[in-house]
Amino acid sequence: MKVHICDSCKTIVEDPYKCNYREYFIGCNFDLGTVFPWPMKRNAKIELCKDCYSNLKKLNDAGT
């Protein structure tokens, strides 16, 4: 049996909820001694326990 770790609270979970998560961050390029920042995003897959997943759903539902 495979055991997973919750990405939010770091507890051990046997059957995690798998979610797609979109990260927003500022990337930068260094060229000729100058920094050129630009906004970037990437998708990541996270595994959450039941409590963290239900709290995330509550936050998402309250925001809409």
N, C-alpha and C. Protein backbone atom coordinates (compact mmCIF):
# COMPACT_ATOMS: atom_id res chain seq x y z
N MET A 1 0.85 -1.17 0.00
CA MET A 1 0.00 0.00 0.00
C MET A 1 0.90 1.24 0.00
N LYS A 2 0.60 2.17 -0.88
CA LYS A 2 1.39 3.38 -0.99
C LYS A 2 0.85 4.43 -0.03
N VAL A 3 1.74 5.11 0.64
CA VAL A 3 1.36 6.16 1.58
C VAL A 3 1.86 7.50 1.05
N HIS A 4 1.02 8.52 1.13
CA HIS A 4 1.34 9.84 0.60
C HIS A 4 1.42 10.84 1.76
N ILE A 5 2.01 11.98 1.51
CA ILE A 5 2.09 13.07 2.48
C ILE A 5 1.30 14.25 1.94
N CYS A 6 0.44 14.82 2.78
CA CYS A 6 -0.36 15.99 2.39
C CYS A 6 0.59 17.15 2.13
N ASP A 7 0.41 17.83 0.99
CA ASP A 7 1.28 18.95 0.63
C ASP A 7 1.02 20.19 1.48
N SER A 8 -0.10 20.25 2.16
CA SER A 8 -0.43 21.41 2.96
C SER A 8 0.00 21.26 4.42
N CYS A 9 -0.47 20.20 5.08
CA CYS A 9 -0.21 20.05 6.52
C CYS A 9 0.85 18.99 6.83
N LYS A 10 1.36 18.30 5.82
CA LYS A 10 2.45 17.32 5.95
C LYS A 10 2.09 16.11 6.80
N THR A 11 0.80 15.75 6.86
CA THR A 11 0.40 14.53 7.55
C THR A 11 0.40 13.37 6.56
N ILE A 12 0.46 12.15 7.08
CA ILE A 12 0.48 10.96 6.25
C ILE A 12 -0.95 10.60 5.86
N VAL A 13 -1.17 10.38 4.56
CA VAL A 13 -2.49 10.10 4.03
C VAL A 13 -2.41 8.84 3.16
N GLU A 14 -3.36 7.93 3.33
CA GLU A 14 -3.36 6.72 2.50
C GLU A 14 -4.11 6.93 1.19
N ASP A 15 -5.17 7.73 1.21
CA ASP A 15 -5.98 7.98 0.01
C ASP A 15 -6.14 9.48 -0.18
N PRO A 16 -5.18 10.16 -0.83
CA PRO A 16 -5.25 11.62 -0.92
C PRO A 16 -6.20 12.11 -2.02
N TYR A 17 -6.62 13.34 -1.87
CA TYR A 17 -7.36 14.03 -2.91
C TYR A 17 -6.34 14.69 -3.82
N LYS A 18 -6.44 14.46 -5.12
CA LYS A 18 -5.49 15.03 -6.07
C LYS A 18 -6.13 16.26 -6.71
N CYS A 19 -5.41 17.37 -6.69
CA CYS A 19 -5.93 18.64 -7.22
C CYS A 19 -4.92 19.24 -8.17
N ASN A 20 -5.41 19.99 -9.11
CA ASN A 20 -4.54 20.80 -9.96
C ASN A 20 -4.45 22.18 -9.33
N TYR A 21 -3.24 22.69 -9.25
CA TYR A 21 -2.97 23.95 -8.58
C TYR A 21 -2.23 24.85 -9.55
N ARG A 22 -2.63 26.08 -9.65
CA ARG A 22 -1.96 27.03 -10.55
C ARG A 22 -1.15 28.00 -9.71
N GLU A 23 0.15 28.05 -9.97
CA GLU A 23 1.04 28.96 -9.25
C GLU A 23 1.30 30.20 -10.10
N TYR A 24 1.24 31.35 -9.48
CA TYR A 24 1.59 32.60 -10.14
C TYR A 24 2.85 33.13 -9.49
N PHE A 25 3.83 33.53 -10.28
CA PHE A 25 5.08 34.05 -9.74
C PHE A 25 5.72 34.98 -10.76
N ILE A 26 6.74 35.67 -10.33
CA ILE A 26 7.46 36.60 -11.20
C ILE A 26 8.74 35.92 -11.65
N GLY A 27 8.88 35.71 -12.94
CA GLY A 27 10.11 35.16 -13.50
C GLY A 27 10.98 36.31 -13.99
N CYS A 28 12.23 36.04 -14.20
CA CYS A 28 13.11 37.10 -14.69
C CYS A 28 14.16 36.52 -15.62
N ASN A 29 14.63 37.38 -16.50
CA ASN A 29 15.66 37.03 -17.46
C ASN A 29 16.81 38.01 -17.30
N PHE A 30 18.02 37.50 -17.20
CA PHE A 30 19.20 38.35 -17.03
C PHE A 30 19.90 38.44 -18.38
N ASP A 31 20.04 39.67 -18.87
CA ASP A 31 20.69 39.85 -20.17
C ASP A 31 21.45 41.18 -20.16
N LEU A 32 22.71 41.14 -20.46
CA LEU A 32 23.56 42.33 -20.55
C LEU A 32 23.56 43.14 -19.26
N GLY A 33 23.56 42.46 -18.12
CA GLY A 33 23.60 43.13 -16.84
C GLY A 33 22.30 43.75 -16.41
N THR A 34 21.22 43.47 -17.10
CA THR A 34 19.91 44.03 -16.78
C THR A 34 18.94 42.89 -16.49
N VAL A 35 18.00 43.14 -15.58
CA VAL A 35 16.99 42.15 -15.21
C VAL A 35 15.68 42.52 -15.87
N PHE A 36 15.07 41.57 -16.55
CA PHE A 36 13.78 41.77 -17.20
C PHE A 36 12.74 40.87 -16.52
N PRO A 37 11.94 41.39 -15.58
CA PRO A 37 10.93 40.56 -14.93
C PRO A 37 9.66 40.43 -15.78
N TRP A 38 8.97 39.32 -15.64
CA TRP A 38 7.67 39.14 -16.28
C TRP A 38 6.85 38.15 -15.47
N PRO A 39 5.54 38.34 -15.42
CA PRO A 39 4.69 37.41 -14.67
C PRO A 39 4.60 36.07 -15.39
N MET A 40 4.61 35.00 -14.61
CA MET A 40 4.54 33.65 -15.16
C MET A 40 3.53 32.84 -14.35
N LYS A 41 3.11 31.73 -14.91
CA LYS A 41 2.27 30.79 -14.18
C LYS A 41 2.62 29.38 -14.62
N ARG A 42 2.40 28.44 -13.72
CA ARG A 42 2.62 27.03 -14.04
C ARG A 42 1.62 26.19 -13.26
N ASN A 43 1.30 25.06 -13.81
CA ASN A 43 0.38 24.14 -13.16
C ASN A 43 1.16 23.08 -12.40
N ALA A 44 0.65 22.73 -11.22
CA ALA A 44 1.27 21.68 -10.42
C ALA A 44 0.16 20.80 -9.89
N LYS A 45 0.46 19.53 -9.67
CA LYS A 45 -0.49 18.61 -9.07
C LYS A 45 -0.13 18.43 -7.61
N ILE A 46 -1.11 18.63 -6.73
CA ILE A 46 -0.88 18.49 -5.31
C ILE A 46 -1.79 17.42 -4.75
N GLU A 47 -1.38 16.84 -3.62
CA GLU A 47 -2.16 15.83 -2.92
C GLU A 47 -2.51 16.36 -1.54
N LEU A 48 -3.81 16.33 -1.22
CA LEU A 48 -4.30 16.88 0.03
C LEU A 48 -5.03 15.83 0.84
N CYS A 49 -5.00 15.98 2.17
CA CYS A 49 -5.80 15.12 3.03
C CYS A 49 -7.26 15.60 2.99
N LYS A 50 -8.14 14.86 3.63
CA LYS A 50 -9.57 15.19 3.57
C LYS A 50 -9.86 16.55 4.22
N ASP A 51 -9.22 16.85 5.36
CA ASP A 51 -9.47 18.13 6.04
C ASP A 51 -9.00 19.31 5.21
N CYS A 52 -7.80 19.23 4.66
CA CYS A 52 -7.27 20.33 3.84
C CYS A 52 -8.10 20.52 2.58
N TYR A 53 -8.56 19.41 1.98
CA TYR A 53 -9.37 19.50 0.78
C TYR A 53 -10.71 20.16 1.08
N SER A 54 -11.35 19.79 2.18
CA SER A 54 -12.64 20.40 2.52
C SER A 54 -12.47 21.87 2.86
N ASN A 55 -11.38 22.24 3.54
CA ASN A 55 -11.13 23.66 3.84
C ASN A 55 -10.86 24.46 2.56
N LEU A 56 -10.16 23.87 1.62
CA LEU A 56 -9.91 24.54 0.34
C LEU A 56 -11.22 24.75 -0.42
N LYS A 57 -12.11 23.75 -0.40
CA LYS A 57 -13.40 23.88 -1.07
C LYS A 57 -14.25 24.98 -0.41
N LYS A 58 -14.19 25.08 0.95
CA LYS A 58 -14.94 26.12 1.65
C LYS A 58 -14.42 27.51 1.26
N LEU A 59 -13.10 27.66 1.19
CA LEU A 59 -12.54 28.94 0.78
C LEU A 59 -12.92 29.29 -0.65
N ASN A 60 -12.90 28.30 -1.52
CA ASN A 60 -13.24 28.53 -2.92
C ASN A 60 -14.71 28.90 -3.07
N ASP A 61 -15.59 28.23 -2.32
CA ASP A 61 -17.02 28.52 -2.40
C ASP A 61 -17.34 29.89 -1.80
N ALA A 62 -16.60 30.30 -0.77
CA ALA A 62 -16.85 31.61 -0.14
C ALA A 62 -16.38 32.74 -1.03
N GLY A 63 -15.39 32.48 -1.87
CA GLY A 63 -14.85 33.52 -2.74
C GLY A 63 -15.72 33.80 -3.96
N THR A 64 -16.63 32.90 -4.29
CA THR A 64 -17.45 33.11 -5.48
C THR A 64 -18.78 33.71 -5.16
